[in-house]
């Protein structure tokens, strides 16, 4: 995981997908989108979709700390 090497838009995409999952009515598509984008943070965005989902499953216990690190990185970049 290399948060500093991520593109700003990719960080925004992960955080936006996470925010959508906090809504009252969350669809399975929104949940899967978040899982894949989060998994992309762990294994790299260029990996196949299934590998990203597997990375999410193996690291879902880290969601709060990773999302916090992403938010801190955006703050550091002044976004």
C-alpha atoms as a PDB file:
ATOM      1  CA  UNK A   1       0.000   0.000   0.000  1.00  0.00           C
ATOM      2  CA  UNK A   2       1.483   3.295  -1.123  1.00  0.00           C
ATOM      3  CA  UNK A   3      -0.960   6.073  -0.319  1.00  0.00           C
ATOM      4  CA  UNK A   4       1.527   8.843  -1.095  1.00  0.00           C
ATOM      5  CA  UNK A   5       1.965   7.420  -4.594  1.00  0.00           C
ATOM      6  CA  UNK A   6      -1.765   7.369  -5.337  1.00  0.00           C
ATOM      7  CA  UNK A   7      -3.372   9.896  -7.634  1.00  0.00           C
ATOM      8  CA  UNK A   8      -5.532  12.443  -5.841  1.00  0.00           C
ATOM      9  CA  UNK A   9      -8.584  11.433  -7.897  1.00  0.00           C
ATOM     10  CA  UNK A  10      -8.138   7.786  -6.884  1.00  0.00           C
ATOM     11  CA  UNK A  11      -8.079   8.787  -3.213  1.00  0.00           C
ATOM     12  CA  UNK A  12     -11.203  10.886  -3.725  1.00  0.00           C
ATOM     13  CA  UNK A  13     -12.923   7.959  -5.443  1.00  0.00           C
ATOM     14  CA  UNK A  14     -12.274   5.613  -2.505  1.00  0.00           C
ATOM     15  CA  UNK A  15     -13.499   8.156   0.037  1.00  0.00           C
ATOM     16  CA  UNK A  16     -16.582   8.987  -2.055  1.00  0.00           C
ATOM     17  CA  UNK A  17     -17.452   5.305  -2.398  1.00  0.00           C
ATOM     18  CA  UNK A  18     -17.072   4.938   1.369  1.00  0.00           C
ATOM     19  CA  UNK A  19     -19.363   7.904   2.018  1.00  0.00           C
ATOM     20  CA  UNK A  20     -22.038   6.359  -0.202  1.00  0.00           C
ATOM     21  CA  UNK A  21     -21.962   3.266   2.013  1.00  0.00           C
ATOM     22  CA  UNK A  22     -22.902   5.408   5.015  1.00  0.00           C
ATOM     23  CA  UNK A  23     -26.259   6.378   3.482  1.00  0.00           C
ATOM     24  CA  UNK A  24     -29.532   4.895   4.694  1.00  0.00           C
ATOM     25  CA  UNK A  25     -30.245   3.040   1.465  1.00  0.00           C
ATOM     26  CA  UNK A  26     -27.107   1.386   0.162  1.00  0.00           C
ATOM     27  CA  UNK A  27     -27.265  -0.783  -2.929  1.00  0.00           C
ATOM     28  CA  UNK A  28     -25.183  -3.882  -3.454  1.00  0.00           C
ATOM     29  CA  UNK A  29     -23.551  -2.102  -6.400  1.00  0.00           C
ATOM     30  CA  UNK A  30     -22.414   0.758  -4.150  1.00  0.00           C
ATOM     31  CA  UNK A  31     -21.080  -1.697  -1.593  1.00  0.00           C
ATOM     32  CA  UNK A  32     -19.208  -3.673  -4.228  1.00  0.00           C
ATOM     33  CA  UNK A  33     -17.809  -0.450  -5.718  1.00  0.00           C
ATOM     34  CA  UNK A  34     -16.411   0.507  -2.309  1.00  0.00           C
ATOM     35  CA  UNK A  35     -14.965  -2.951  -1.709  1.00  0.00           C
ATOM     36  CA  UNK A  36     -13.190  -2.902  -5.069  1.00  0.00           C
ATOM     37  CA  UNK A  37     -11.878   0.645  -4.686  1.00  0.00           C
ATOM     38  CA  UNK A  38     -10.655  -0.106  -1.158  1.00  0.00           C
ATOM     39  CA  UNK A  39      -9.032  -3.325  -2.364  1.00  0.00           C
ATOM     40  CA  UNK A  40      -7.321  -1.278  -5.064  1.00  0.00           C
ATOM     41  CA  UNK A  41      -5.655   0.787  -2.348  1.00  0.00           C
ATOM     42  CA  UNK A  42      -4.221  -2.398  -0.863  1.00  0.00           C
ATOM     43  CA  UNK A  43      -3.071  -4.237  -4.009  1.00  0.00           C
ATOM     44  CA  UNK A  44      -2.897  -1.427  -6.558  1.00  0.00           C
ATOM     45  CA  UNK A  45      -5.543  -0.042  -8.858  1.00  0.00           C
ATOM     46  CA  UNK A  46      -4.280  -1.929 -11.905  1.00  0.00           C
ATOM     47  CA  UNK A  47      -5.174  -5.369 -10.511  1.00  0.00           C
ATOM     48  CA  UNK A  48      -8.217  -7.349 -11.731  1.00  0.00           C
ATOM     49  CA  UNK A  49     -11.574  -6.684 -10.066  1.00  0.00           C
ATOM     50  CA  UNK A  50     -11.681 -10.070  -8.327  1.00  0.00           C
ATOM     51  CA  UNK A  51      -8.242  -9.563  -6.834  1.00  0.00           C
ATOM     52  CA  UNK A  52      -9.319  -6.176  -5.472  1.00  0.00           C
ATOM     53  CA  UNK A  53     -12.373  -7.765  -3.840  1.00  0.00           C
ATOM     54  CA  UNK A  54     -10.169 -10.462  -2.304  1.00  0.00           C
ATOM     55  CA  UNK A  55      -7.851  -7.752  -0.952  1.00  0.00           C
ATOM     56  CA  UNK A  56     -10.839  -6.014   0.630  1.00  0.00           C
ATOM     57  CA  UNK A  57     -11.985  -9.250   2.279  1.00  0.00           C
ATOM     58  CA  UNK A  58      -8.513  -9.905   3.690  1.00  0.00           C
ATOM     59  CA  UNK A  59      -8.137  -6.317   4.936  1.00  0.00           C
ATOM     60  CA  UNK A  60     -11.650  -5.180   5.869  1.00  0.00           C
ATOM     61  CA  UNK A  61     -10.578  -4.935   9.501  1.00  0.00           C
ATOM     62  CA  UNK A  62      -8.270  -2.098   8.366  1.00  0.00           C
ATOM     63  CA  UNK A  63     -10.982   0.023   6.712  1.00  0.00           C
ATOM     64  CA  UNK A  64     -11.108   2.749   9.423  1.00  0.00           C
ATOM     65  CA  UNK A  65      -7.337   3.215   9.600  1.00  0.00           C
ATOM     66  CA  UNK A  66      -6.896   3.220   5.816  1.00  0.00           C
ATOM     67  CA  UNK A  67      -9.748   5.681   5.240  1.00  0.00           C
ATOM     68  CA  UNK A  68      -8.269   7.940   7.910  1.00  0.00           C
ATOM     69  CA  UNK A  69      -4.854   7.742   6.237  1.00  0.00           C
ATOM     70  CA  UNK A  70      -6.424   8.611   2.867  1.00  0.00           C
ATOM     71  CA  UNK A  71      -8.207  11.619   4.368  1.00  0.00           C
ATOM     72  CA  UNK A  72      -4.964  12.771   6.008  1.00  0.00           C
ATOM     73  CA  UNK A  73      -3.148  12.447   2.684  1.00  0.00           C
ATOM     74  CA  UNK A  74      -5.761  14.599   0.941  1.00  0.00           C
ATOM     75  CA  UNK A  75      -5.416  17.181   3.703  1.00  0.00           C
ATOM     76  CA  UNK A  76      -1.637  17.137   3.288  1.00  0.00           C
ATOM     77  CA  UNK A  77      -2.094  17.777  -0.431  1.00  0.00           C
ATOM     78  CA  UNK A  78      -4.365  20.704   0.331  1.00  0.00           C
ATOM     79  CA  UNK A  79      -7.426  19.198  -1.331  1.00  0.00           C
END
